[in-house]
Amino acid sequence: MKHGNDLRGLAVGLCLLAAGACVILFGSGGRKTLPEPLREETAGPGAVRAENGEHPGRENPGGENEDSVAVLPSGEKTEEAPRKPGPGPYVAIVIDDFGFSKAITDGYGELTLPLTWSIIPFQSHSLYAAGQAEKAGIPYMIHMPMGAGGDKKWDEKTGVIDSGMSAETVTLLLRKALAFLPGALGMNNHRGSRATRDEHLMETVMTELASTSLFFLDSRTSSASVAYNTARTKGIPAAFCSVFLDHEPSEEFMEKQFQRGLDLAAKRGWVVMIAHTRQGTLDFLKKKSDSPPEKVTFVTMPELMHILWDRSDMSSRQSISGRNVFKAGRRFRAANEGDFS
């Protein structure tokens, strides 16, 4: 009899242990809960810090380019540069750092100017931003945290991709981000002046992205970045940022940068400008939305990828009309669900 009681006790214990494991792995919502790599830094808008409370710092968005204009380094060999499109010129504006504020998200959702949002995964309001973008038919990207110059080395628990990580770790972090934001159509680096200079690391990142439907935007936080060229060698539709709109918060500075971007678009046929989820930037872009400049065509990043690269397979991978921009990414990850476990 005692032996039977022992067996029943053991069975009950195992059941409780299994139930506890399910709660840890799947949470109350029935899906796997991924570790939150970064938390909002209360000292400033859009700043983030790691799980352990250490702050990665807000990198100069222009990297070594103090004038906030990012360009391909002179003499750097490019595998393939985007052709000058016609008729154009085309202007794509990307808004970085979604995931921290519902109010800012709602404000950007009201603008009529074509924009592309870039959402940092695993933040308190990342999924809210993704949901609002989907409702409004706004395409969004994954704003992937990457190590910057002067940072300590990040480990996988922070969710920040950094130099020195194994290929397995980098691939895992990318797949977790992709699974968390399945409607994303592209990816760009958050910070990353150190990571994007690392050829081996970028080779690993782009090898993984090449197996997905995503395009890549090199934020160009360092003029020594090899991210764009590596993406192109892997056959990934890619572009690079040329102007940081709100490197300084004043309206005067943003107007100067905006005109700088328009001039570059007129000369080259296209330009990508990056701005951030800041109230001053939102106010500035609202004015541009109410009275957009003439002689340029504002486009989203998925539209620009089609224009620049004209890839025959992109039409089947990503639709750029309204809410359809989200369906291709979902279909891809649904078909490859086992790869993201």
C-alpha atoms as a PDB file:
ATOM      1  CA  MET A   1       0.000   0.000   0.000  1.00  0.00           C
ATOM      2  CA  LYS A   2       2.854   2.331   0.879  1.00  0.00           C
ATOM      3  CA  HIS A   3       4.439   1.549  -2.482  1.00  0.00           C
ATOM      4  CA  GLY A   4       1.199   2.547  -4.249  1.00  0.00           C
ATOM      5  CA  ASN A   5       1.046   5.830  -2.341  1.00  0.00           C
ATOM      6  CA  ASP A   6       4.644   6.570  -3.306  1.00  0.00           C
ATOM      7  CA  LEU A   7       3.849   5.991  -6.982  1.00  0.00           C
ATOM      8  CA  ARG A   8       0.791   8.245  -6.797  1.00  0.00           C
ATOM      9  CA  GLY A   9       2.849  10.932  -5.086  1.00  0.00           C
ATOM     10  CA  LEU A  10       5.523  10.692  -7.740  1.00  0.00           C
ATOM     11  CA  ALA A  11       2.910  10.972 -10.509  1.00  0.00           C
ATOM     12  CA  VAL A  12       1.360  14.062  -8.921  1.00  0.00           C
ATOM     13  CA  GLY A  13       4.780  15.643  -8.547  1.00  0.00           C
ATOM     14  CA  LEU A  14       5.636  15.022 -12.184  1.00  0.00           C
ATOM     15  CA  CYS A  15       2.321  16.527 -13.313  1.00  0.00           C
ATOM     16  CA  LEU A  16       2.941  19.664 -11.260  1.00  0.00           C
ATOM     17  CA  LEU A  17       6.446  19.953 -12.668  1.00  0.00           C
ATOM     18  CA  ALA A  18       5.139  19.600 -16.234  1.00  0.00           C
ATOM     19  CA  ALA A  19       2.456  22.217 -15.619  1.00  0.00           C
ATOM     20  CA  GLY A  20       5.055  24.626 -14.286  1.00  0.00           C
ATOM     21  CA  ALA A  21       7.205  24.078 -17.349  1.00  0.00           C
ATOM     22  CA  CYS A  22       4.268  24.838 -19.646  1.00  0.00           C
ATOM     23  CA  VAL A  23       3.639  28.127 -17.849  1.00  0.00           C
ATOM     24  CA  ILE A  24       7.286  29.113 -18.220  1.00  0.00           C
ATOM     25  CA  LEU A  25       7.514  28.174 -21.893  1.00  0.00           C
ATOM     26  CA  PHE A  26       4.169  29.363 -23.170  1.00  0.00           C
ATOM     27  CA  GLY A  27       2.881  31.943 -20.693  1.00  0.00           C
ATOM     28  CA  SER A  28      -0.781  32.596 -20.080  1.00  0.00           C
ATOM     29  CA  GLY A  29      -1.496  33.398 -23.727  1.00  0.00           C
ATOM     30  CA  GLY A  30      -0.640  29.940 -25.029  1.00  0.00           C
ATOM     31  CA  ARG A  31       2.394  31.009 -27.074  1.00  0.00           C
ATOM     32  CA  LYS A  32       6.071  30.913 -26.330  1.00  0.00           C
ATOM     33  CA  THR A  33       7.192  33.940 -24.348  1.00  0.00           C
ATOM     34  CA  LEU A  34      10.547  35.170 -25.595  1.00  0.00           C
ATOM     35  CA  PRO A  35      12.932  37.011 -23.282  1.00  0.00           C
ATOM     36  CA  GLU A  36      12.580  40.772 -23.502  1.00  0.00           C
ATOM     37  CA  PRO A  37      16.014  41.963 -24.586  1.00  0.00           C
ATOM     38  CA  LEU A  38      15.684  45.679 -23.982  1.00  0.00           C
ATOM     39  CA  ARG A  39      13.706  48.026 -21.802  1.00  0.00           C
ATOM     40  CA  GLU A  40      12.894  51.659 -22.265  1.00  0.00           C
ATOM     41  CA  GLU A  41      15.380  54.089 -20.746  1.00  0.00           C
ATOM     42  CA  THR A  42      13.431  56.716 -18.844  1.00  0.00           C
ATOM     43  CA  ALA A  43      16.142  59.324 -19.420  1.00  0.00           C
ATOM     44  CA  GLY A  44      15.193  59.943 -23.016  1.00  0.00           C
ATOM     45  CA  PRO A  45      12.771  59.048 -25.806  1.00  0.00           C
ATOM     46  CA  GLY A  46      13.622  55.942 -27.728  1.00  0.00           C
ATOM     47  CA  ALA A  47      16.570  55.016 -25.520  1.00  0.00           C
ATOM     48  CA  VAL A  48      16.801  51.405 -24.448  1.00  0.00           C
ATOM     49  CA  ARG A  49      18.677  49.324 -21.946  1.00  0.00           C
ATOM     50  CA  ALA A  50      19.375  45.661 -21.444  1.00  0.00           C
ATOM     51  CA  GLU A  51      17.627  43.153 -19.200  1.00  0.00           C
ATOM     52  CA  ASN A  52      20.300  43.545 -16.543  1.00  0.00           C
ATOM     53  CA  GLY A  53      19.717  47.296 -16.433  1.00  0.00           C
ATOM     54  CA  GLU A  54      22.948  48.248 -18.174  1.00  0.00           C
ATOM     55  CA  HIS A  55      22.403  50.929 -20.768  1.00  0.00           C
ATOM     56  CA  PRO A  56      23.787  50.342 -24.276  1.00  0.00           C
ATOM     57  CA  GLY A  57      23.912  54.077 -24.946  1.00  0.00           C
ATOM     58  CA  ARG A  58      22.238  56.148 -27.623  1.00  0.00           C
ATOM     59  CA  GLU A  59      24.644  56.048 -30.481  1.00  0.00           C
ATOM     60  CA  ASN A  60      25.211  59.100 -32.623  1.00  0.00           C
ATOM     61  CA  PRO A  61      22.784  58.178 -35.428  1.00  0.00           C
ATOM     62  CA  GLY A  62      25.231  59.462 -37.969  1.00  0.00           C
ATOM     63  CA  GLY A  63      28.092  57.302 -36.677  1.00  0.00           C
ATOM     64  CA  GLU A  64      31.320  58.787 -38.012  1.00  0.00           C
ATOM     65  CA  ASN A  65      29.296  61.132 -40.213  1.00  0.00           C
ATOM     66  CA  GLU A  66      28.929  64.123 -37.944  1.00  0.00           C
ATOM     67  CA  ASP A  67      26.841  65.966 -40.515  1.00  0.00           C
ATOM     68  CA  SER A  68      24.255  63.153 -40.368  1.00  0.00           C
ATOM     69  CA  VAL A  69      24.670  62.165 -43.993  1.00  0.00           C
ATOM     70  CA  ALA A  70      25.487  58.497 -44.487  1.00  0.00           C
ATOM     71  CA  VAL A  71      27.218  57.543 -47.726  1.00  0.00           C
ATOM     72  CA  LEU A  72      29.043  54.571 -49.148  1.00  0.00           C
ATOM     73  CA  PRO A  73      32.758  55.025 -48.405  1.00  0.00           C
ATOM     74  CA  SER A  74      34.711  56.199 -51.431  1.00  0.00           C
ATOM     75  CA  GLY A  75      36.596  53.402 -53.109  1.00  0.00           C
ATOM     76  CA  GLU A  76      34.517  50.678 -51.467  1.00  0.00           C
ATOM     77  CA  LYS A  77      33.711  47.907 -53.908  1.00  0.00           C
ATOM     78  CA  THR A  78      29.986  47.333 -54.244  1.00  0.00           C
ATOM     79  CA  GLU A  79      28.604  44.079 -55.547  1.00  0.00           C
ATOM     80  CA  GLU A  80      25.657  45.822 -57.145  1.00  0.00           C
ATOM     81  CA  ALA A  81      24.361  49.357 -56.713  1.00  0.00           C
ATOM     82  CA  PRO A  82      20.706  50.264 -57.229  1.00  0.00           C
ATOM     83  CA  ARG A  83      20.090  51.650 -60.675  1.00  0.00           C
ATOM     84  CA  LYS A  84      18.798  55.172 -61.107  1.00  0.00           C
ATOM     85  CA  PRO A  85      15.049  54.671 -61.355  1.00  0.00           C
ATOM     86  CA  GLY A  86      12.603  56.525 -63.522  1.00  0.00           C
ATOM     87  CA  PRO A  87      10.633  58.661 -63.441  1.00  0.00           C
ATOM     88  CA  GLY A  88      11.133  59.563 -59.748  1.00  0.00           C
ATOM     89  CA  PRO A  89      12.811  60.957 -57.843  1.00  0.00           C
ATOM     90  CA  TYR A  90      11.661  58.728 -54.997  1.00  0.00           C
ATOM     91  CA  VAL A  91      11.843  59.500 -51.286  1.00  0.00           C
ATOM     92  CA  ALA A  92      11.375  56.836 -48.602  1.00  0.00           C
ATOM     93  CA  ILE A  93      11.174  57.907 -44.961  1.00  0.00           C
ATOM     94  CA  VAL A  94      11.698  55.285 -42.265  1.00  0.00           C
ATOM     95  CA  ILE A  95      10.673  55.950 -38.665  1.00  0.00           C
ATOM     96  CA  ASP A  96      12.852  54.029 -36.205  1.00  0.00           C
ATOM     97  CA  ASP A  97      12.317  53.010 -32.560  1.00  0.00           C
ATOM     98  CA  PHE A  98       8.641  52.021 -32.404  1.00  0.00           C
ATOM     99  CA  GLY A  99       7.767  49.887 -29.387  1.00  0.00           C
ATOM    100  CA  PHE A 100       7.931  52.302 -26.453  1.00  0.00           C
ATOM    101  CA  SER A 101       4.965  54.673 -26.697  1.00  0.00           C
ATOM    102  CA  LYS A 102       1.348  54.136 -27.679  1.00  0.00           C
ATOM    103  CA  ALA A 103       0.734  57.878 -27.968  1.00  0.00           C
ATOM    104  CA  ILE A 104       3.568  58.420 -30.451  1.00  0.00           C
ATOM    105  CA  THR A 105       2.457  55.342 -32.383  1.00  0.00           C
ATOM    106  CA  ASP A 106      -1.069  56.701 -32.660  1.00  0.00           C
ATOM    107  CA  GLY A 107       0.259  60.078 -33.757  1.00  0.00           C
ATOM    108  CA  TYR A 108       2.329  58.620 -36.582  1.00  0.00           C
ATOM    109  CA  GLY A 109      -0.634  56.498 -37.616  1.00  0.00           C
ATOM    110  CA  GLU A 110      -2.593  59.663 -38.415  1.00  0.00           C
ATOM    111  CA  LEU A 111      -0.092  60.989 -40.968  1.00  0.00           C
ATOM    112  CA  THR A 112      -0.988  60.680 -44.640  1.00  0.00           C
ATOM    113  CA  LEU A 113       2.625  60.912 -45.825  1.00  0.00           C
ATOM    114  CA  PRO A 114       3.814  57.443 -46.928  1.00  0.00           C
ATOM    115  CA  LEU A 115       6.098  56.112 -44.203  1.00  0.00           C
ATOM    116  CA  THR A 116       7.663  52.835 -43.171  1.00  0.00           C
ATOM    117  CA  TRP A 117       7.822  51.997 -39.473  1.00  0.00           C
ATOM    118  CA  SER A 118      10.688  50.117 -37.866  1.00  0.00           C
ATOM    119  CA  ILE A 119       9.808  48.352 -34.618  1.00  0.00           C
ATOM    120  CA  ILE A 120      12.267  47.162 -31.965  1.00  0.00           C
ATOM    121  CA  PRO A 121      11.124  43.640 -30.999  1.00  0.00           C
ATOM    122  CA  PHE A 122      10.113  42.555 -27.497  1.00  0.00           C
ATOM    123  CA  GLN A 123       9.425  46.035 -26.112  1.00  0.00           C
ATOM    124  CA  SER A 124       6.387  46.928 -24.010  1.00  0.00           C
ATOM    125  CA  HIS A 125       4.419  48.301 -26.975  1.00  0.00           C
ATOM    126  CA  SER A 126       6.059  46.538 -29.939  1.00  0.00           C
ATOM    127  CA  LEU A 127       3.002  44.425 -30.702  1.00  0.00           C
ATOM    128  CA  TYR A 128       0.728  47.436 -30.298  1.00  0.00           C
ATOM    129  CA  ALA A 129       2.768  49.290 -32.918  1.00  0.00           C
ATOM    130  CA  ALA A 130       2.630  46.298 -35.258  1.00  0.00           C
ATOM    131  CA  GLY A 131      -1.135  46.051 -34.819  1.00  0.00           C
ATOM    132  CA  GLN A 132      -1.688  49.742 -35.484  1.00  0.00           C
ATOM    133  CA  ALA A 133       0.526  49.592 -38.564  1.00  0.00           C
ATOM    134  CA  GLU A 134      -1.448  46.658 -39.900  1.00  0.00           C
ATOM    135  CA  LYS A 135      -4.771  48.391 -39.309  1.00  0.00           C
ATOM    136  CA  ALA A 136      -3.562  51.455 -41.194  1.00  0.00           C
ATOM    137  CA  GLY A 137      -1.890  49.491 -43.989  1.00  0.00           C
ATOM    138  CA  ILE A 138       1.543  50.848 -43.054  1.00  0.00           C
ATOM    139  CA  PRO A 139       4.449  48.495 -43.834  1.00  0.00           C
ATOM    140  CA  TYR A 140       6.885  47.891 -41.007  1.00  0.00           C
ATOM    141  CA  MET A 141      10.328  46.452 -40.489  1.00  0.00           C
ATOM    142  CA  ILE A 142      12.220  44.840 -37.629  1.00  0.00           C
ATOM    143  CA  HIS A 143      14.588  47.351 -36.026  1.00  0.00           C
ATOM    144  CA  MET A 144      17.177  44.781 -34.961  1.00  0.00           C
ATOM    145  CA  PRO A 145      19.392  45.784 -32.017  1.00  0.00           C
ATOM    146  CA  MET A 146      23.108  45.411 -32.797  1.00  0.00           C
ATOM    147  CA  GLY A 147      26.281  46.186 -30.875  1.00  0.00           C
ATOM    148  CA  ALA A 148      27.778  49.661 -31.197  1.00  0.00           C
ATOM    149  CA  GLY A 149      31.285  51.017 -30.846  1.00  0.00           C
ATOM    150  CA  GLY A 150      32.123  51.614 -27.192  1.00  0.00           C
ATOM    151  CA  ASP A 151      29.565  49.079 -25.922  1.00  0.00           C
ATOM    152  CA  LYS A 152      30.531  46.167 -23.767  1.00  0.00           C
ATOM    153  CA  LYS A 153      30.072  42.839 -25.546  1.00  0.00           C
ATOM    154  CA  TRP A 154      26.414  41.828 -25.492  1.00  0.00           C
ATOM    155  CA  ASP A 155      25.262  38.281 -24.838  1.00  0.00           C
ATOM    156  CA  GLU A 156      22.258  36.482 -26.275  1.00  0.00           C
ATOM    157  CA  LYS A 157      20.063  37.190 -23.225  1.00  0.00           C
ATOM    158  CA  THR A 158      19.935  40.861 -24.199  1.00  0.00           C
ATOM    159  CA  GLY A 159      18.694  40.122 -27.710  1.00  0.00           C
ATOM    160  CA  VAL A 160      21.432  42.344 -29.160  1.00  0.00           C
ATOM    161  CA  ILE A 161      23.414  40.888 -32.070  1.00  0.00           C
ATOM    162  CA  ASP A 162      27.104  41.541 -31.566  1.00  0.00           C
ATOM    163  CA  SER A 163      30.584  40.647 -32.749  1.00  0.00           C
ATOM    164  CA  GLY A 164      31.991  37.431 -31.335  1.00  0.00           C
ATOM    165  CA  MET A 165      28.654  35.609 -31.197  1.00  0.00           C
ATOM    166  CA  SER A 166      28.397  32.163 -32.724  1.00  0.00           C
ATOM    167  CA  ALA A 167      26.453  31.703 -35.948  1.00  0.00           C
ATOM    168  CA  GLU A 168      23.943  29.590 -34.014  1.00  0.00           C
ATOM    169  CA  THR A 169      23.304  32.393 -31.511  1.00  0.00           C
ATOM    170  CA  VAL A 170      22.917  35.053 -34.200  1.00  0.00           C
ATOM    171  CA  THR A 171      20.533  32.857 -36.180  1.00  0.00           C
ATOM    172  CA  LEU A 172      18.469  32.141 -33.059  1.00  0.00           C
ATOM    173  CA  LEU A 173      18.149  35.848 -32.213  1.00  0.00           C
ATOM    174  CA  LEU A 174      17.062  36.655 -35.756  1.00  0.00           C
ATOM    175  CA  ARG A 175      14.485  33.868 -35.811  1.00  0.00           C
ATOM    176  CA  LYS A 176      13.039  34.971 -32.477  1.00  0.00           C
ATOM    177  CA  ALA A 177      12.656  38.515 -33.781  1.00  0.00           C
ATOM    178  CA  LEU A 178      11.062  37.249 -37.000  1.00  0.00           C
ATOM    179  CA  ALA A 179       8.629  35.086 -35.067  1.00  0.00           C
ATOM    180  CA  PHE A 180       7.739  37.968 -32.734  1.00  0.00           C
ATOM    181  CA  LEU A 181       6.951  40.355 -35.620  1.00  0.00           C
ATOM    182  CA  PRO A 182       5.689  38.026 -38.369  1.00  0.00           C
ATOM    183  CA  GLY A 183       4.196  40.849 -40.430  1.00  0.00           C
ATOM    184  CA  ALA A 184       7.535  42.595 -40.919  1.00  0.00           C
ATOM    185  CA  LEU A 185       8.636  43.031 -44.524  1.00  0.00           C
ATOM    186  CA  GLY A 186      12.205  44.108 -43.915  1.00  0.00           C
ATOM    187  CA  MET A 187      14.917  44.691 -41.347  1.00  0.00           C
ATOM    188  CA  ASN A 188      17.327  47.470 -40.466  1.00  0.00           C
ATOM    189  CA  ASN A 189      19.921  47.786 -37.741  1.00  0.00           C
ATOM    190  CA  HIS A 190      19.265  49.611 -34.469  1.00  0.00           C
ATOM    191  CA  ARG A 191      22.592  51.253 -33.568  1.00  0.00           C
ATOM    192  CA  GLY A 192      25.158  48.665 -34.704  1.00  0.00           C
ATOM    193  CA  SER A 193      28.238  50.684 -35.684  1.00  0.00           C
ATOM    194  CA  ARG A 194      30.425  47.830 -34.393  1.00  0.00           C
ATOM    195  CA  ALA A 195      28.290  44.939 -35.590  1.00  0.00           C
ATOM    196  CA  THR A 196      27.801  46.205 -39.133  1.00  0.00           C
ATOM    197  CA  ARG A 197      31.578  46.581 -39.606  1.00  0.00           C
ATOM    198  CA  ASP A 198      32.094  42.895 -38.805  1.00  0.00           C
ATOM    199  CA  GLU A 199      32.201  41.006 -42.115  1.00  0.00           C
ATOM    200  CA  HIS A 200      31.863  37.567 -40.521  1.00  0.00           C
ATOM    201  CA  LEU A 201      28.878  38.667 -38.434  1.00  0.00           C
ATOM    202  CA  MET A 202      27.125  40.308 -41.375  1.00  0.00           C
ATOM    203  CA  GLU A 203      27.724  37.166 -43.432  1.00  0.00           C
ATOM    204  CA  THR A 204      25.831  35.192 -40.786  1.00  0.00           C
ATOM    205  CA  VAL A 205      23.008  37.737 -40.571  1.00  0.00           C
ATOM    206  CA  MET A 206      22.502  37.936 -44.325  1.00  0.00           C
ATOM    207  CA  THR A 207      22.701  34.179 -44.802  1.00  0.00           C
ATOM    208  CA  GLU A 208      19.690  33.879 -42.518  1.00  0.00           C
ATOM    209  CA  LEU A 209      17.815  36.795 -44.092  1.00  0.00           C
ATOM    210  CA  ALA A 210      18.392  35.337 -47.558  1.00  0.00           C
ATOM    211  CA  SER A 211      16.204  32.392 -46.558  1.00  0.00           C
ATOM    212  CA  THR A 212      13.294  34.731 -45.751  1.00  0.00           C
ATOM    213  CA  SER A 213      11.114  37.181 -47.657  1.00  0.00           C
ATOM    214  CA  LEU A 214      12.669  40.227 -45.989  1.00  0.00           C
ATOM    215  CA  PHE A 215      14.636  43.047 -47.579  1.00  0.00           C
ATOM    216  CA  PHE A 216      17.419  44.848 -45.696  1.00  0.00           C
ATOM    217  CA  LEU A 217      18.060  48.521 -45.042  1.00  0.00           C
ATOM    218  CA  ASP A 218      21.535  49.468 -43.856  1.00  0.00           C
ATOM    219  CA  SER A 219      20.961  52.292 -41.367  1.00  0.00           C
ATOM    220  CA  ARG A 220      24.569  53.380 -42.000  1.00  0.00           C
ATOM    221  CA  THR A 221      25.357  54.220 -38.374  1.00  0.00           C
ATOM    222  CA  SER A 222      28.962  53.691 -39.453  1.00  0.00           C
ATOM    223  CA  SER A 223      30.566  54.701 -42.730  1.00  0.00           C
ATOM    224  CA  ALA A 224      32.592  51.474 -42.430  1.00  0.00           C
ATOM    225  CA  SER A 225      29.457  49.311 -42.553  1.00  0.00           C
ATOM    226  CA  VAL A 226      29.607  46.228 -44.772  1.00  0.00           C
ATOM    227  CA  ALA A 227      25.948  45.322 -44.185  1.00  0.00           C
ATOM    228  CA  TYR A 228      24.592  46.652 -47.479  1.00  0.00           C
ATOM    229  CA  ASN A 229      27.253  45.024 -49.642  1.00  0.00           C
ATOM    230  CA  THR A 230      26.934  41.725 -47.796  1.00  0.00           C
ATOM    231  CA  ALA A 231      23.167  41.752 -48.302  1.00  0.00           C
ATOM    232  CA  ARG A 232      23.644  42.285 -52.019  1.00  0.00           C
ATOM    233  CA  THR A 233      26.159  39.445 -52.358  1.00  0.00           C
ATOM    234  CA  LYS A 234      23.472  37.203 -50.822  1.00  0.00           C
ATOM    235  CA  GLY A 235      20.897  38.379 -53.352  1.00  0.00           C
ATOM    236  CA  ILE A 236      18.837  40.261 -50.775  1.00  0.00           C
ATOM    237  CA  PRO A 237      17.010  43.378 -52.020  1.00  0.00           C
ATOM    238  CA  ALA A 238      18.724  46.158 -50.081  1.00  0.00           C
ATOM    239  CA  ALA A 239      19.185  49.893 -49.728  1.00  0.00           C
ATOM    240  CA  PHE A 240      21.017  52.239 -47.380  1.00  0.00           C
ATOM    241  CA  CYS A 241      20.134  55.357 -45.426  1.00  0.00           C
ATOM    242  CA  SER A 242      21.644  58.587 -46.706  1.00  0.00           C
ATOM    243  CA  VAL A 243      20.186  61.205 -44.351  1.00  0.00           C
ATOM    244  CA  PHE A 244      19.310  61.185 -40.648  1.00  0.00           C
ATOM    245  CA  LEU A 245      16.471  63.658 -40.425  1.00  0.00           C
ATOM    246  CA  ASP A 246      16.389  64.376 -36.680  1.00  0.00           C
ATOM    247  CA  HIS A 247      20.018  64.023 -35.646  1.00  0.00           C
ATOM    248  CA  GLU A 248      19.297  67.295 -33.855  1.00  0.00           C
ATOM    249  CA  PRO A 249      15.782  68.030 -32.520  1.00  0.00           C
ATOM    250  CA  SER A 250      15.263  71.553 -33.871  1.00  0.00           C
ATOM    251  CA  GLU A 251      12.816  72.197 -36.700  1.00  0.00           C
ATOM    252  CA  GLU A 252      15.479  74.284 -38.452  1.00  0.00           C
ATOM    253  CA  PHE A 253      17.887  71.347 -38.499  1.00  0.00           C
ATOM    254  CA  MET A 254      15.232  68.899 -39.669  1.00  0.00           C
ATOM    255  CA  GLU A 255      14.240  71.238 -42.500  1.00  0.00           C
ATOM    256  CA  LYS A 256      17.873  71.476 -43.594  1.00  0.00           C
ATOM    257  CA  GLN A 257      18.236  67.700 -43.546  1.00  0.00           C
ATOM    258  CA  PHE A 258      14.932  67.211 -45.340  1.00  0.00           C
ATOM    259  CA  GLN A 259      16.013  69.517 -48.159  1.00  0.00           C
ATOM    260  CA  ARG A 260      19.364  67.772 -48.239  1.00  0.00           C
ATOM    261  CA  GLY A 261      17.556  64.491 -48.792  1.00  0.00           C
ATOM    262  CA  LEU A 262      15.408  65.940 -51.557  1.00  0.00           C
ATOM    263  CA  ASP A 263      18.497  67.306 -53.309  1.00  0.00           C
ATOM    264  CA  LEU A 264      20.176  63.911 -53.130  1.00  0.00           C
ATOM    265  CA  ALA A 265      17.050  62.222 -54.496  1.00  0.00           C
ATOM    266  CA  ALA A 266      16.971  64.659 -57.412  1.00  0.00           C
ATOM    267  CA  LYS A 267      20.589  63.857 -58.205  1.00  0.00           C
ATOM    268  CA  ARG A 268      20.508  60.080 -57.688  1.00  0.00           C
ATOM    269  CA  GLY A 269      16.863  59.302 -58.357  1.00  0.00           C
ATOM    270  CA  TRP A 270      16.077  58.024 -54.846  1.00  0.00           C
ATOM    271  CA  VAL A 271      16.914  58.521 -51.200  1.00  0.00           C
ATOM    272  CA  VAL A 272      16.165  56.895 -47.848  1.00  0.00           C
ATOM    273  CA  MET A 273      15.885  59.174 -44.822  1.00  0.00           C
ATOM    274  CA  ILE A 274      15.626  57.886 -41.250  1.00  0.00           C
ATOM    275  CA  ALA A 275      13.797  59.690 -38.440  1.00  0.00           C
ATOM    276  CA  HIS A 276      12.660  58.603 -34.983  1.00  0.00           C
ATOM    277  CA  THR A 277       9.598  58.311 -32.761  1.00  0.00           C
ATOM    278  CA  ARG A 278       9.964  61.734 -31.176  1.00  0.00           C
ATOM    279  CA  GLN A 279       7.226  64.312 -30.714  1.00  0.00           C
ATOM    280  CA  GLY A 280       9.215  67.068 -32.429  1.00  0.00           C
ATOM    281  CA  THR A 281       9.829  64.830 -35.431  1.00  0.00           C
ATOM    282  CA  LEU A 282       6.152  63.879 -35.551  1.00  0.00           C
ATOM    283  CA  ASP A 283       5.169  67.560 -35.545  1.00  0.00           C
ATOM    284  CA  PHE A 284       7.653  68.290 -38.339  1.00  0.00           C
ATOM    285  CA  LEU A 285       6.439  65.423 -40.516  1.00  0.00           C
ATOM    286  CA  LYS A 286       2.806  66.399 -39.920  1.00  0.00           C
ATOM    287  CA  LYS A 287       3.550  69.715 -41.615  1.00  0.00           C
ATOM    288  CA  LYS A 288       5.169  67.882 -44.523  1.00  0.00           C
ATOM    289  CA  SER A 289       2.222  65.504 -44.647  1.00  0.00           C
ATOM    290  CA  ASP A 290      -0.241  68.408 -44.838  1.00  0.00           C
ATOM    291  CA  SER A 291       1.796  70.169 -47.525  1.00  0.00           C
ATOM    292  CA  PRO A 292       4.123  67.689 -49.262  1.00  0.00           C
ATOM    293  CA  PRO A 293       6.822  69.058 -51.561  1.00  0.00           C
ATOM    294  CA  GLU A 294       6.288  68.790 -55.287  1.00  0.00           C
ATOM    295  CA  LYS A 295       8.451  67.095 -57.918  1.00  0.00           C
ATOM    296  CA  VAL A 296       9.205  64.053 -55.740  1.00  0.00           C
ATOM    297  CA  THR A 297       7.282  60.844 -55.122  1.00  0.00           C
ATOM    298  CA  PHE A 298       7.076  59.601 -51.550  1.00  0.00           C
ATOM    299  CA  VAL A 299       7.112  55.811 -51.305  1.00  0.00           C
ATOM    300  CA  THR A 300       7.321  53.120 -48.664  1.00  0.00           C
ATOM    301  CA  MET A 301      10.378  50.890 -48.366  1.00  0.00           C
ATOM    302  CA  PRO A 302       8.674  47.861 -49.999  1.00  0.00           C
ATOM    303  CA  GLU A 303       7.717  50.077 -52.929  1.00  0.00           C
ATOM    304  CA  LEU A 304      11.263  51.409 -53.198  1.00  0.00           C
ATOM    305  CA  MET A 305      12.658  47.871 -53.225  1.00  0.00           C
ATOM    306  CA  HIS A 306      10.445  47.022 -56.193  1.00  0.00           C
ATOM    307  CA  ILE A 307      11.474  50.201 -57.986  1.00  0.00           C
ATOM    308  CA  LEU A 308      15.215  49.800 -57.402  1.00  0.00           C
ATOM    309  CA  TRP A 309      15.668  46.109 -57.925  1.00  0.00           C
ATOM    310  CA  ASP A 310      12.703  45.001 -60.028  1.00  0.00           C
ATOM    311  CA  ARG A 311      13.119  41.452 -58.751  1.00  0.00           C
ATOM    312  CA  SER A 312      10.667  39.099 -60.447  1.00  0.00           C
ATOM    313  CA  ASP A 313      10.317  37.005 -57.300  1.00  0.00           C
ATOM    314  CA  MET A 314       9.544  39.979 -55.041  1.00  0.00           C
ATOM    315  CA  SER A 315       6.012  40.289 -56.392  1.00  0.00           C
ATOM    316  CA  SER A 316       5.241  36.780 -55.196  1.00  0.00           C
ATOM    317  CA  ARG A 317       6.976  37.347 -51.861  1.00  0.00           C
ATOM    318  CA  GLN A 318       5.696  40.793 -50.932  1.00  0.00           C
ATOM    319  CA  SER A 319       2.657  42.735 -52.056  1.00  0.00           C
ATOM    320  CA  ILE A 320       2.875  46.489 -51.602  1.00  0.00           C
ATOM    321  CA  SER A 321      -0.816  47.320 -51.791  1.00  0.00           C
ATOM    322  CA  GLY A 322      -2.516  48.323 -48.550  1.00  0.00           C
ATOM    323  CA  ARG A 323      -2.850  45.614 -45.940  1.00  0.00           C
ATOM    324  CA  ASN A 324      -1.536  42.971 -48.332  1.00  0.00           C
ATOM    325  CA  VAL A 325       1.982  44.093 -47.372  1.00  0.00           C
ATOM    326  CA  PHE A 326       1.692  41.879 -44.305  1.00  0.00           C
ATOM    327  CA  LYS A 327       0.434  38.660 -45.889  1.00  0.00           C
ATOM    328  CA  ALA A 328       3.587  37.459 -47.633  1.00  0.00           C
ATOM    329  CA  GLY A 329       5.645  37.551 -44.455  1.00  0.00           C
ATOM    330  CA  ARG A 330       2.986  35.624 -42.579  1.00  0.00           C
ATOM    331  CA  ARG A 331       2.690  33.003 -45.318  1.00  0.00           C
ATOM    332  CA  PHE A 332       6.443  32.510 -45.343  1.00  0.00           C
ATOM    333  CA  ARG A 333       6.733  32.023 -41.601  1.00  0.00           C
ATOM    334  CA  ALA A 334       3.610  29.851 -41.466  1.00  0.00           C
ATOM    335  CA  ALA A 335       5.173  27.555 -44.071  1.00  0.00           C
ATOM    336  CA  ASN A 336       8.400  27.460 -42.078  1.00  0.00           C
ATOM    337  CA  GLU A 337       6.926  27.408 -38.595  1.00  0.00           C
ATOM    338  CA  GLY A 338       9.168  24.591 -37.415  1.00  0.00           C
ATOM    339  CA  ASP A 339      12.277  26.634 -38.166  1.00  0.00           C
ATOM    340  CA  PHE A 340      11.301  29.303 -35.649  1.00  0.00           C
ATOM    341  CA  SER A 341      10.763  27.113 -32.614  1.00  0.00           C
END
